[in-house]
Amino acid sequence: MSWIKICGITNLEDGLKAASLGVDALGFIFAPSLRRVEPDLAKKIIQVLPTLPLKVGVFVDEDTEEVQRVAEYCGLDVLQLHGKESQKYCSKFSCPIIKAIRIHHVESLKEMEAYPNATILLDSYSPHQAGGTGNPFSWDIAFKAKEKRDFILSGGLTPLNVGEAIKKVRPWGVDVCSGVEAFPGKKDLLKMESFLKEVRKADDQNRPDI
């Protein structure tokens, strides 16, 4: 079964709805973004949510002490680093790390080798923003990444294309943000339900006959 993360949670209603669907992780963005959430609000949301799904804090080239402070204050389970953080930077934290690699071309996959101890997330490259572009990158490149290691697939996923992505690429997990929104910062319950339905359908179709 594919691991599923819904990112860009900005309010309790969306967090509770997403959690009720059985997703594996919820993402809270602490970097510049239309979906940025302040630590005080994130803490209030997280305190009300069930223990599962995992609470993932998304940061971009932030000072390590500030990342640690926010993680402890909010009760984060996982850190997702979406900038140019090095392996040395990643190693400063004791909790699990998801390291985003922005795919510009096939040569971008070489960056995966620099983070042997992190879970890798592949996202679309944009010169103007670190993530949340809403645009997919070439799944042919993602397929080549499978030759190196497993990863979480992100970048422009929606209920309309996630099934095809899973069947073609077979990633370990998928991460969606804008693809299940009514507008930036507000999730659409029907889109979230449809996204999970398509993921599970693709998982079943990928399952070998017994």
N, C-alpha and C. Protein backbone atom coordinates (compact mmCIF):
# COMPACT_ATOMS: atom_id res chain seq x y z
N MET A 1 0.84 -1.20 0.00
CA MET A 1 0.00 0.00 0.00
C MET A 1 0.88 1.25 0.00
N SER A 2 0.54 2.17 -0.87
CA SER A 2 1.32 3.41 -0.94
C SER A 2 1.13 4.27 0.31
N TRP A 3 2.23 4.82 0.78
CA TRP A 3 2.22 5.79 1.88
C TRP A 3 1.69 7.10 1.34
N ILE A 4 0.80 7.76 2.08
CA ILE A 4 0.14 8.96 1.57
C ILE A 4 0.30 10.12 2.55
N LYS A 5 0.77 11.26 2.02
CA LYS A 5 0.88 12.49 2.82
C LYS A 5 0.07 13.59 2.15
N ILE A 6 -0.73 14.29 2.95
CA ILE A 6 -1.42 15.49 2.49
C ILE A 6 -0.73 16.68 3.14
N CYS A 7 -0.21 17.56 2.31
CA CYS A 7 0.60 18.67 2.81
C CYS A 7 -0.16 19.98 2.73
N GLY A 8 0.35 20.97 3.46
CA GLY A 8 -0.25 22.29 3.44
C GLY A 8 -1.47 22.43 4.32
N ILE A 9 -1.48 21.74 5.47
CA ILE A 9 -2.59 21.87 6.41
C ILE A 9 -2.47 23.22 7.13
N THR A 10 -3.55 23.99 7.10
CA THR A 10 -3.52 25.33 7.71
C THR A 10 -4.61 25.53 8.75
N ASN A 11 -5.50 24.54 8.91
CA ASN A 11 -6.61 24.71 9.85
C ASN A 11 -7.04 23.35 10.39
N LEU A 12 -7.68 23.37 11.54
CA LEU A 12 -8.06 22.14 12.22
C LEU A 12 -9.07 21.33 11.42
N GLU A 13 -10.03 21.98 10.80
CA GLU A 13 -11.05 21.25 10.03
C GLU A 13 -10.42 20.38 8.96
N ASP A 14 -9.49 20.94 8.20
CA ASP A 14 -8.83 20.17 7.15
C ASP A 14 -7.99 19.04 7.74
N GLY A 15 -7.31 19.33 8.85
CA GLY A 15 -6.50 18.30 9.49
C GLY A 15 -7.33 17.12 9.94
N LEU A 16 -8.46 17.40 10.56
CA LEU A 16 -9.34 16.32 11.05
C LEU A 16 -9.94 15.54 9.89
N LYS A 17 -10.34 16.24 8.82
CA LYS A 17 -10.89 15.54 7.66
C LYS A 17 -9.86 14.62 7.03
N ALA A 18 -8.66 15.13 6.85
CA ALA A 18 -7.60 14.32 6.24
C ALA A 18 -7.26 13.12 7.12
N ALA A 19 -7.17 13.35 8.42
CA ALA A 19 -6.85 12.25 9.34
C ALA A 19 -7.94 11.18 9.30
N SER A 20 -9.19 11.60 9.18
CA SER A 20 -10.30 10.64 9.17
C SER A 20 -10.29 9.74 7.94
N LEU A 21 -9.59 10.17 6.90
CA LEU A 21 -9.53 9.38 5.67
C LEU A 21 -8.47 8.27 5.75
N GLY A 22 -7.63 8.34 6.77
CA GLY A 22 -6.62 7.30 6.94
C GLY A 22 -5.30 7.57 6.25
N VAL A 23 -4.98 8.85 6.03
CA VAL A 23 -3.68 9.16 5.43
C VAL A 23 -2.57 8.85 6.44
N ASP A 24 -1.36 8.73 5.95
CA ASP A 24 -0.24 8.37 6.81
C ASP A 24 0.45 9.57 7.43
N ALA A 25 0.34 10.74 6.79
CA ALA A 25 1.04 11.92 7.30
C ALA A 25 0.34 13.19 6.85
N LEU A 26 0.48 14.22 7.68
CA LEU A 26 -0.02 15.55 7.36
C LEU A 26 1.16 16.52 7.40
N GLY A 27 1.22 17.42 6.42
CA GLY A 27 2.34 18.35 6.35
C GLY A 27 1.96 19.75 6.76
N PHE A 28 2.81 20.37 7.57
CA PHE A 28 2.64 21.75 8.02
C PHE A 28 3.82 22.56 7.51
N ILE A 29 3.55 23.60 6.72
CA ILE A 29 4.60 24.34 6.06
C ILE A 29 5.00 25.56 6.89
N PHE A 30 6.27 25.61 7.27
CA PHE A 30 6.79 26.72 8.07
C PHE A 30 7.72 27.62 7.26
N ALA A 31 7.71 27.43 5.95
CA ALA A 31 8.53 28.24 5.04
C ALA A 31 7.62 29.19 4.27
N PRO A 32 8.20 30.21 3.61
CA PRO A 32 7.37 31.13 2.82
C PRO A 32 6.50 30.37 1.82
N SER A 33 5.20 30.58 1.90
CA SER A 33 4.25 29.83 1.08
C SER A 33 2.86 30.41 1.28
N LEU A 34 1.98 30.21 0.31
CA LEU A 34 0.58 30.57 0.48
C LEU A 34 -0.07 29.72 1.56
N ARG A 35 0.61 28.62 1.90
CA ARG A 35 0.07 27.68 2.89
C ARG A 35 0.89 27.67 4.18
N ARG A 36 1.66 28.71 4.36
CA ARG A 36 2.47 28.79 5.58
C ARG A 36 1.58 28.85 6.81
N VAL A 37 2.01 28.17 7.87
CA VAL A 37 1.27 28.19 9.13
C VAL A 37 2.24 28.60 10.23
N GLU A 38 1.78 29.46 11.13
CA GLU A 38 2.62 29.88 12.24
C GLU A 38 2.70 28.78 13.29
N PRO A 39 3.82 28.66 13.98
CA PRO A 39 3.98 27.59 14.97
C PRO A 39 2.87 27.55 16.02
N ASP A 40 2.40 28.69 16.48
CA ASP A 40 1.33 28.70 17.49
C ASP A 40 0.08 28.01 16.98
N LEU A 41 -0.30 28.30 15.73
CA LEU A 41 -1.49 27.67 15.15
C LEU A 41 -1.25 26.19 14.89
N ALA A 42 -0.08 25.86 14.36
CA ALA A 42 0.23 24.45 14.09
C ALA A 42 0.16 23.64 15.38
N LYS A 43 0.69 24.19 16.47
CA LYS A 43 0.65 23.48 17.75
C LYS A 43 -0.79 23.23 18.19
N LYS A 44 -1.65 24.23 18.04
CA LYS A 44 -3.04 24.08 18.44
C LYS A 44 -3.74 22.99 17.62
N ILE A 45 -3.44 22.95 16.33
CA ILE A 45 -4.04 21.93 15.46
C ILE A 45 -3.53 20.55 15.84
N ILE A 46 -2.23 20.42 15.98
CA ILE A 46 -1.61 19.12 16.26
C ILE A 46 -2.07 18.56 17.60
N GLN A 47 -2.28 19.41 18.59
CA GLN A 47 -2.71 18.93 19.90
C GLN A 47 -4.08 18.28 19.86
N VAL A 48 -4.91 18.64 18.89
CA VAL A 48 -6.26 18.10 18.78
C VAL A 48 -6.31 16.86 17.87
N LEU A 49 -5.35 16.75 16.96
CA LEU A 49 -5.35 15.63 16.03
C LEU A 49 -5.03 14.31 16.73
N PRO A 50 -5.47 13.18 16.16
CA PRO A 50 -5.09 11.88 16.72
C PRO A 50 -3.59 11.65 16.59
N THR A 51 -3.08 10.67 17.32
CA THR A 51 -1.64 10.38 17.30
C THR A 51 -1.16 10.10 15.88
N LEU A 52 -1.92 9.33 15.14
CA LEU A 52 -1.65 9.12 13.72
C LEU A 52 -2.71 9.87 12.94
N PRO A 53 -2.38 10.48 11.83
CA PRO A 53 -1.16 10.39 11.04
C PRO A 53 0.03 11.16 11.64
N LEU A 54 1.21 10.88 11.05
CA LEU A 54 2.42 11.59 11.45
C LEU A 54 2.29 13.07 11.11
N LYS A 55 2.90 13.91 11.96
CA LYS A 55 2.91 15.34 11.71
C LYS A 55 4.29 15.74 11.17
N VAL A 56 4.30 16.25 9.95
CA VAL A 56 5.53 16.56 9.24
C VAL A 56 5.68 18.07 9.12
N GLY A 57 6.82 18.59 9.57
CA GLY A 57 7.10 20.02 9.44
C GLY A 57 7.98 20.27 8.23
N VAL A 58 7.55 21.18 7.36
CA VAL A 58 8.28 21.48 6.13
C VAL A 58 9.05 22.79 6.30
N PHE A 59 10.37 22.72 6.08
CA PHE A 59 11.25 23.87 6.25
C PHE A 59 12.13 24.04 5.01
N VAL A 60 12.56 25.26 4.77
CA VAL A 60 13.45 25.55 3.63
C VAL A 60 14.64 26.36 4.11
N ASP A 61 15.80 25.73 4.18
CA ASP A 61 17.06 26.40 4.52
C ASP A 61 16.94 27.25 5.79
N GLU A 62 16.26 26.72 6.77
CA GLU A 62 16.06 27.40 8.04
C GLU A 62 17.22 27.10 8.98
N ASP A 63 17.48 27.99 9.90
CA ASP A 63 18.51 27.77 10.93
C ASP A 63 18.16 26.51 11.72
N THR A 64 19.15 25.67 11.98
CA THR A 64 18.87 24.39 12.63
C THR A 64 18.26 24.55 14.01
N GLU A 65 18.70 25.55 14.74
CA GLU A 65 18.15 25.77 16.09
C GLU A 65 16.67 26.16 16.02
N GLU A 66 16.30 26.92 15.01
CA GLU A 66 14.90 27.31 14.85
C GLU A 66 14.05 26.11 14.44
N VAL A 67 14.59 25.27 13.57
CA VAL A 67 13.87 24.04 13.19
C VAL A 67 13.62 23.17 14.41
N GLN A 68 14.65 23.00 15.23
CA GLN A 68 14.52 22.18 16.43
C GLN A 68 13.51 22.78 17.40
N ARG A 69 13.55 24.10 17.54
CA ARG A 69 12.61 24.77 18.44
C ARG A 69 11.17 24.55 18.00
N VAL A 70 10.91 24.75 16.72
CA VAL A 70 9.56 24.59 16.19
C VAL A 70 9.11 23.14 16.29
N ALA A 71 10.02 22.22 16.00
CA ALA A 71 9.68 20.79 16.06
C ALA A 71 9.25 20.39 17.46
N GLU A 72 9.99 20.83 18.46
CA GLU A 72 9.67 20.49 19.84
C GLU A 72 8.41 21.21 20.31
N TYR A 73 8.29 22.46 19.94
CA TYR A 73 7.14 23.27 20.37
C TYR A 73 5.82 22.73 19.80
N CYS A 74 5.85 22.34 18.53
CA CYS A 74 4.63 21.90 17.86
C CYS A 74 4.35 20.41 18.04
N GLY A 75 5.38 19.64 18.41
CA GLY A 75 5.19 18.20 18.53
C GLY A 75 5.26 17.49 17.19
N LEU A 76 6.23 17.91 16.36
CA LEU A 76 6.39 17.29 15.04
C LEU A 76 7.03 15.91 15.16
N ASP A 77 6.64 15.01 14.25
CA ASP A 77 7.21 13.66 14.22
C ASP A 77 8.34 13.53 13.20
N VAL A 78 8.25 14.30 12.12
CA VAL A 78 9.18 14.18 10.99
C VAL A 78 9.50 15.58 10.48
N LEU A 79 10.73 15.77 9.99
CA LEU A 79 11.12 17.03 9.36
C LEU A 79 11.28 16.81 7.87
N GLN A 80 10.67 17.68 7.07
CA GLN A 80 10.84 17.64 5.62
C GLN A 80 11.61 18.88 5.21
N LEU A 81 12.79 18.66 4.63
CA LEU A 81 13.70 19.76 4.28
C LEU A 81 13.67 19.96 2.78
N HIS A 82 13.25 21.15 2.37
CA HIS A 82 12.92 21.39 0.97
C HIS A 82 13.87 22.36 0.29
N GLY A 83 15.00 22.66 0.92
CA GLY A 83 15.93 23.60 0.33
C GLY A 83 17.23 22.95 -0.10
N LYS A 84 18.33 23.63 0.19
CA LYS A 84 19.65 23.14 -0.21
C LYS A 84 20.41 22.56 0.98
N GLU A 85 19.67 22.05 1.95
CA GLU A 85 20.28 21.50 3.16
C GLU A 85 21.22 20.33 2.82
N SER A 86 22.37 20.30 3.47
CA SER A 86 23.35 19.24 3.24
C SER A 86 23.06 18.03 4.12
N GLN A 87 23.77 16.94 3.85
CA GLN A 87 23.65 15.77 4.71
C GLN A 87 24.11 16.10 6.13
N LYS A 88 25.15 16.92 6.24
CA LYS A 88 25.63 17.35 7.57
C LYS A 88 24.53 18.09 8.32
N TYR A 89 23.83 18.96 7.63
CA TYR A 89 22.70 19.69 8.21
C TYR A 89 21.64 18.69 8.67
N CYS A 90 21.29 17.75 7.82
CA CYS A 90 20.25 16.76 8.15
C CYS A 90 20.62 15.94 9.37
N SER A 91 21.91 15.66 9.53
CA SER A 91 22.36 14.78 10.61
C SER A 91 22.28 15.43 11.98
N LYS A 92 21.97 16.71 12.03
CA LYS A 92 21.88 17.41 13.32
C LYS A 92 20.60 17.10 14.07
N PHE A 93 19.66 16.41 13.42
CA PHE A 93 18.37 16.14 14.04
C PHE A 93 18.21 14.66 14.34
N SER A 94 17.55 14.37 15.45
CA SER A 94 17.36 12.98 15.86
C SER A 94 16.10 12.36 15.27
N CYS A 95 15.15 13.19 14.84
CA CYS A 95 13.91 12.64 14.29
C CYS A 95 14.09 12.32 12.81
N PRO A 96 13.20 11.52 12.23
CA PRO A 96 13.32 11.14 10.82
C PRO A 96 13.30 12.36 9.89
N ILE A 97 14.04 12.25 8.80
CA ILE A 97 14.16 13.33 7.83
C ILE A 97 13.64 12.89 6.47
N ILE A 98 12.82 13.75 5.86
CA ILE A 98 12.46 13.61 4.45
C ILE A 98 13.21 14.72 3.71
N LYS A 99 14.05 14.34 2.77
CA LYS A 99 14.81 15.36 2.01
C LYS A 99 14.25 15.46 0.60
N ALA A 100 13.78 16.65 0.27
CA ALA A 100 13.22 16.88 -1.06
C ALA A 100 14.33 17.14 -2.07
N ILE A 101 14.20 16.50 -3.22
CA ILE A 101 15.08 16.73 -4.36
C ILE A 101 14.22 17.30 -5.48
N ARG A 102 14.54 18.50 -5.93
CA ARG A 102 13.76 19.12 -6.99
C ARG A 102 14.31 18.69 -8.35
N ILE A 103 13.45 18.09 -9.16
CA ILE A 103 13.89 17.48 -10.42
C ILE A 103 13.79 18.48 -11.57
N HIS A 104 14.97 18.90 -12.03
CA HIS A 104 15.07 19.80 -13.18
C HIS A 104 15.28 18.99 -14.46
N HIS A 105 16.13 17.97 -14.35
CA HIS A 105 16.43 17.05 -15.44
C HIS A 105 16.97 15.77 -14.82
N VAL A 106 17.30 14.80 -15.64
CA VAL A 106 17.69 13.49 -15.11
C VAL A 106 18.95 13.58 -14.25
N GLU A 107 19.81 14.56 -14.52
CA GLU A 107 21.02 14.72 -13.72
C GLU A 107 20.70 15.09 -12.27
N SER A 108 19.50 15.60 -12.03
CA SER A 108 19.11 15.97 -10.66
C SER A 108 19.08 14.75 -9.74
N LEU A 109 18.92 13.57 -10.32
CA LEU A 109 18.84 12.36 -9.50
C LEU A 109 20.13 12.07 -8.76
N LYS A 110 21.24 12.63 -9.22
CA LYS A 110 22.52 12.40 -8.54
C LYS A 110 22.49 12.94 -7.11
N GLU A 111 21.64 13.92 -6.86
CA GLU A 111 21.55 14.49 -5.51
C GLU A 111 21.06 13.46 -4.49
N MET A 112 20.34 12.46 -4.94
CA MET A 112 19.83 11.45 -4.02
C MET A 112 20.94 10.75 -3.26
N GLU A 113 22.10 10.62 -3.92
CA GLU A 113 23.21 9.89 -3.32
C GLU A 113 23.79 10.59 -2.10
N ALA A 114 23.52 11.89 -1.97
CA ALA A 114 24.11 12.67 -0.88
C ALA A 114 23.36 12.50 0.44
N TYR A 115 22.23 11.79 0.41
CA TYR A 115 21.39 11.68 1.62
C TYR A 115 21.04 10.22 1.91
N PRO A 116 22.03 9.41 2.28
CA PRO A 116 21.79 7.98 2.48
C PRO A 116 20.86 7.67 3.65
N ASN A 117 20.76 8.58 4.61
CA ASN A 117 19.99 8.29 5.82
C ASN A 117 18.62 8.97 5.84
N ALA A 118 18.27 9.65 4.77
CA ALA A 118 16.98 10.35 4.71
C ALA A 118 16.04 9.64 3.75
N THR A 119 14.75 9.81 3.99
CA THR A 119 13.75 9.40 3.00
C THR A 119 13.73 10.48 1.92
N ILE A 120 13.76 10.06 0.67
CA ILE A 120 13.83 11.00 -0.44
C ILE A 120 12.43 11.31 -0.97
N LEU A 121 12.19 12.59 -1.23
CA LEU A 121 10.97 13.03 -1.89
C LEU A 121 11.37 13.74 -3.17
N LEU A 122 10.79 13.32 -4.29
CA LEU A 122 11.07 13.95 -5.58
C LEU A 122 9.96 14.93 -5.92
N ASP A 123 10.34 16.18 -6.19
CA ASP A 123 9.36 17.22 -6.47
C ASP A 123 9.78 17.96 -7.74
N SER A 124 8.86 18.75 -8.27
CA SER A 124 9.13 19.51 -9.49
C SER A 124 10.05 20.69 -9.21
N TYR A 125 10.92 20.97 -10.16
CA TYR A 125 11.82 22.11 -10.03
C TYR A 125 11.14 23.39 -10.51
N SER A 126 11.36 24.46 -9.77
CA SER A 126 10.97 25.79 -10.21
C SER A 126 12.03 26.76 -9.73
N PRO A 127 12.47 27.69 -10.58
CA PRO A 127 13.47 28.66 -10.14
C PRO A 127 12.90 29.70 -9.17
N HIS A 128 11.58 29.72 -9.04
CA HIS A 128 10.93 30.77 -8.26
C HIS A 128 10.41 30.31 -6.91
N GLN A 129 10.25 29.00 -6.70
CA GLN A 129 9.76 28.52 -5.42
C GLN A 129 10.29 27.14 -5.12
N ALA A 130 10.38 26.83 -3.82
CA ALA A 130 11.01 25.58 -3.39
C ALA A 130 10.07 24.39 -3.49
N GLY A 131 8.79 24.63 -3.60
CA GLY A 131 7.84 23.53 -3.71
C GLY A 131 6.45 24.07 -3.92
N GLY A 132 5.47 23.16 -4.00
CA GLY A 132 4.08 23.59 -4.16
C GLY A 132 3.81 24.24 -5.50
N THR A 133 4.52 23.79 -6.55
CA THR A 133 4.34 24.41 -7.87
C THR A 133 3.02 24.00 -8.51
N GLY A 134 2.51 22.84 -8.15
CA GLY A 134 1.30 22.34 -8.79
C GLY A 134 1.55 21.73 -10.14
N ASN A 135 2.83 21.60 -10.52
CA ASN A 135 3.19 21.06 -11.83
C ASN A 135 3.97 19.76 -11.67
N PRO A 136 3.62 18.72 -12.43
CA PRO A 136 4.39 17.47 -12.37
C PRO A 136 5.69 17.59 -13.15
N PHE A 137 6.66 16.76 -12.79
CA PHE A 137 7.86 16.64 -13.61
C PHE A 137 7.76 15.32 -14.37
N SER A 138 8.71 15.05 -15.24
CA SER A 138 8.65 13.85 -16.07
C SER A 138 8.69 12.58 -15.23
N TRP A 139 7.67 11.76 -15.37
CA TRP A 139 7.64 10.50 -14.63
C TRP A 139 8.63 9.49 -15.20
N ASP A 140 9.13 9.75 -16.40
CA ASP A 140 10.20 8.91 -16.93
C ASP A 140 11.45 9.07 -16.07
N ILE A 141 11.70 10.29 -15.61
CA ILE A 141 12.83 10.52 -14.72
C ILE A 141 12.58 9.84 -13.38
N ALA A 142 11.36 9.93 -12.88
CA ALA A 142 11.03 9.28 -11.61
C ALA A 142 11.21 7.77 -11.73
N PHE A 143 10.86 7.21 -12.88
CA PHE A 143 11.03 5.77 -13.09
C PHE A 143 12.51 5.39 -13.02
N LYS A 144 13.37 6.25 -13.55
CA LYS A 144 14.80 5.99 -13.48
C LYS A 144 15.30 6.05 -12.04
N ALA A 145 14.68 6.90 -11.24
CA ALA A 145 15.07 7.01 -9.83
C ALA A 145 14.85 5.70 -9.09
N LYS A 146 13.89 4.91 -9.53
CA LYS A 146 13.61 3.63 -8.89
C LYS A 146 14.80 2.69 -8.97
N GLU A 147 15.68 2.90 -9.95
CA GLU A 147 16.87 2.07 -10.07
C GLU A 147 17.84 2.33 -8.92
N LYS A 148 17.72 3.50 -8.28
CA LYS A 148 18.62 3.89 -7.21
C LYS A 148 18.05 3.54 -5.84
N ARG A 149 16.80 3.93 -5.57
CA ARG A 149 16.19 3.69 -4.26
C ARG A 149 14.72 4.09 -4.31
N ASP A 150 13.99 3.72 -3.27
CA ASP A 150 12.59 4.12 -3.17
C ASP A 150 12.48 5.59 -2.79
N PHE A 151 11.31 6.16 -3.01
CA PHE A 151 11.12 7.58 -2.73
C PHE A 151 9.63 7.90 -2.65
N ILE A 152 9.36 9.11 -2.20
CA ILE A 152 8.01 9.66 -2.21
C ILE A 152 7.89 10.53 -3.46
N LEU A 153 6.81 10.35 -4.21
CA LEU A 153 6.59 11.12 -5.43
C LEU A 153 5.69 12.31 -5.12
N SER A 154 6.11 13.49 -5.55
CA SER A 154 5.34 14.71 -5.36
C SER A 154 5.39 15.52 -6.64
N GLY A 155 4.71 16.65 -6.63
CA GLY A 155 4.76 17.54 -7.78
C GLY A 155 3.58 17.39 -8.71
N GLY A 156 2.57 18.22 -8.52
CA GLY A 156 1.44 18.26 -9.45
C GLY A 156 0.52 17.06 -9.42
N LEU A 157 0.55 16.28 -8.35
CA LEU A 157 -0.35 15.13 -8.27
C LEU A 157 -1.77 15.59 -7.95
N THR A 158 -2.75 14.95 -8.58
CA THR A 158 -4.16 15.24 -8.38
C THR A 158 -4.93 13.92 -8.40
N PRO A 159 -6.22 13.94 -8.06
CA PRO A 159 -7.00 12.72 -8.19
C PRO A 159 -7.05 12.19 -9.63
N LEU A 160 -6.82 13.08 -10.61
CA LEU A 160 -6.91 12.68 -12.02
C LEU A 160 -5.66 11.99 -12.53
N ASN A 161 -4.51 12.21 -11.88
CA ASN A 161 -3.28 11.62 -12.43
C ASN A 161 -2.52 10.73 -11.46
N VAL A 162 -2.91 10.69 -10.18
CA VAL A 162 -2.12 9.93 -9.21
C VAL A 162 -2.17 8.43 -9.49
N GLY A 163 -3.30 7.94 -9.98
CA GLY A 163 -3.38 6.51 -10.28
C GLY A 163 -2.40 6.12 -11.38
N GLU A 164 -2.35 6.93 -12.43
CA GLU A 164 -1.41 6.68 -13.53
C GLU A 164 0.02 6.77 -13.03
N ALA A 165 0.29 7.75 -12.16
CA ALA A 165 1.65 7.92 -11.63
C ALA A 165 2.09 6.68 -10.84
N ILE A 166 1.21 6.17 -10.01
CA ILE A 166 1.54 5.00 -9.19
C ILE A 166 1.75 3.78 -10.07
N LYS A 167 0.90 3.59 -11.06
CA LYS A 167 1.03 2.42 -11.93
C LYS A 167 2.30 2.48 -12.77
N LYS A 168 2.71 3.69 -13.16
CA LYS A 168 3.90 3.82 -14.00
C LYS A 168 5.19 3.81 -13.19
N VAL A 169 5.20 4.56 -12.09
CA VAL A 169 6.44 4.78 -11.34
C VAL A 169 6.60 3.82 -10.16
N ARG A 170 5.47 3.45 -9.53
CA ARG A 170 5.48 2.61 -8.33
C ARG A 170 6.35 3.20 -7.21
N PRO A 171 6.08 4.43 -6.82
CA PRO A 171 6.85 5.03 -5.72
C PRO A 171 6.47 4.39 -4.40
N TRP A 172 7.31 4.59 -3.39
CA TRP A 172 6.98 4.11 -2.04
C TRP A 172 5.79 4.88 -1.48
N GLY A 173 5.74 6.18 -1.80
CA GLY A 173 4.66 7.01 -1.29
C GLY A 173 4.35 8.16 -2.21
N VAL A 174 3.26 8.86 -1.92
CA VAL A 174 2.87 10.04 -2.70
C VAL A 174 2.55 11.19 -1.74
N ASP A 175 2.78 12.40 -2.22
CA ASP A 175 2.59 13.61 -1.43
C ASP A 175 1.79 14.60 -2.27
N VAL A 176 0.67 15.07 -1.73
CA VAL A 176 -0.19 15.99 -2.48
C VAL A 176 -0.46 17.23 -1.66
N CYS A 177 -0.58 18.35 -2.35
CA CYS A 177 -0.90 19.61 -1.67
C CYS A 177 -1.97 20.35 -2.45
N SER A 178 -1.58 21.10 -3.48
CA SER A 178 -2.54 21.90 -4.23
C SER A 178 -3.57 21.05 -4.97
N GLY A 179 -3.22 19.81 -5.27
CA GLY A 179 -4.11 18.95 -6.03
C GLY A 179 -5.37 18.53 -5.31
N VAL A 180 -5.46 18.80 -4.00
CA VAL A 180 -6.68 18.47 -3.25
C VAL A 180 -7.21 19.71 -2.53
N GLU A 181 -6.98 20.88 -3.13
CA GLU A 181 -7.42 22.13 -2.52
C GLU A 181 -8.64 22.72 -3.24
N ALA A 182 -9.46 23.43 -2.47
CA ALA A 182 -10.51 24.27 -3.04
C ALA A 182 -9.88 25.58 -3.51
N PHE A 183 -8.93 26.08 -2.71
CA PHE A 183 -8.11 27.24 -3.04
C PHE A 183 -6.89 27.17 -2.11
N PRO A 184 -5.82 27.91 -2.40
CA PRO A 184 -4.59 27.78 -1.61
C PRO A 184 -4.84 27.92 -0.11
N GLY A 185 -4.48 26.87 0.62
CA GLY A 185 -4.62 26.87 2.07
C GLY A 185 -5.89 26.23 2.58
N LYS A 186 -6.80 25.87 1.68
CA LYS A 186 -8.06 25.25 2.09
C LYS A 186 -8.29 23.97 1.29
N LYS A 187 -8.40 22.84 2.00
CA LYS A 187 -8.58 21.56 1.33
C LYS A 187 -10.03 21.35 0.91
N ASP A 188 -10.20 20.48 -0.08
CA ASP A 188 -11.51 20.08 -0.59
C ASP A 188 -11.72 18.62 -0.21
N LEU A 189 -12.71 18.34 0.64
CA LEU A 189 -12.92 16.98 1.14
C LEU A 189 -13.15 15.99 0.02
N LEU A 190 -13.95 16.35 -0.97
CA LEU A 190 -14.24 15.43 -2.06
C LEU A 190 -12.97 15.11 -2.86
N LYS A 191 -12.13 16.12 -3.06
CA LYS A 191 -10.87 15.88 -3.78
C LYS A 191 -9.95 14.98 -2.96
N MET A 192 -9.91 15.18 -1.64
CA MET A 192 -9.07 14.31 -0.80
C MET A 192 -9.59 12.87 -0.85
N GLU A 193 -10.90 12.71 -0.76
CA GLU A 193 -11.49 11.36 -0.82
C GLU A 193 -11.18 10.71 -2.15
N SER A 194 -11.32 11.48 -3.24
CA SER A 194 -11.06 10.95 -4.57
C SER A 194 -9.59 10.59 -4.74
N PHE A 195 -8.70 11.41 -4.19
CA PHE A 195 -7.27 11.13 -4.29
C PHE A 195 -6.94 9.80 -3.63
N LEU A 196 -7.43 9.58 -2.41
CA LEU A 196 -7.16 8.32 -1.73
C LEU A 196 -7.77 7.13 -2.46
N LYS A 197 -8.95 7.32 -3.00
CA LYS A 197 -9.61 6.25 -3.75
C LYS A 197 -8.77 5.84 -4.95
N GLU A 198 -8.23 6.82 -5.67
CA GLU A 198 -7.42 6.52 -6.85
C GLU A 198 -6.10 5.86 -6.47
N VAL A 199 -5.51 6.29 -5.35
CA VAL A 199 -4.27 5.66 -4.88
C VAL A 199 -4.52 4.19 -4.57
N ARG A 200 -5.57 3.90 -3.83
CA ARG A 200 -5.86 2.52 -3.45
C ARG A 200 -6.22 1.66 -4.66
N LYS A 201 -6.92 2.25 -5.61
CA LYS A 201 -7.26 1.50 -6.83
C LYS A 201 -6.00 1.13 -7.59
N ALA A 202 -5.07 2.07 -7.71
CA ALA A 202 -3.81 1.79 -8.39
C ALA A 202 -2.98 0.77 -7.64
N ASP A 203 -3.00 0.85 -6.31
CA ASP A 203 -2.28 -0.15 -5.50
C ASP A 203 -2.83 -1.55 -5.80
N ASP A 204 -4.14 -1.67 -5.86
CA ASP A 204 -4.74 -2.98 -6.11
C ASP A 204 -4.38 -3.49 -7.51
N GLN A 205 -4.33 -2.58 -8.48
CA GLN A 205 -4.00 -2.99 -9.85
C GLN A 205 -2.53 -3.36 -9.98
N ASN A 206 -1.69 -2.80 -9.13
CA ASN A 206 -0.26 -3.12 -9.16
C ASN A 206 0.07 -4.41 -8.41
N ARG A 207 -0.89 -4.87 -7.62
CA ARG A 207 -0.64 -6.06 -6.80
C ARG A 207 -0.56 -7.30 -7.68
N PRO A 208 0.49 -8.10 -7.55
CA PRO A 208 0.60 -9.30 -8.38
C PRO A 208 -0.47 -10.32 -8.03
N ASP A 209 -0.89 -11.07 -9.01
CA ASP A 209 -1.90 -12.11 -8.77
C ASP A 209 -1.33 -13.17 -7.83
N ILE A 210 -2.16 -13.63 -6.92
CA ILE A 210 -1.74 -14.67 -5.97
C ILE A 210 -2.24 -16.03 -6.45
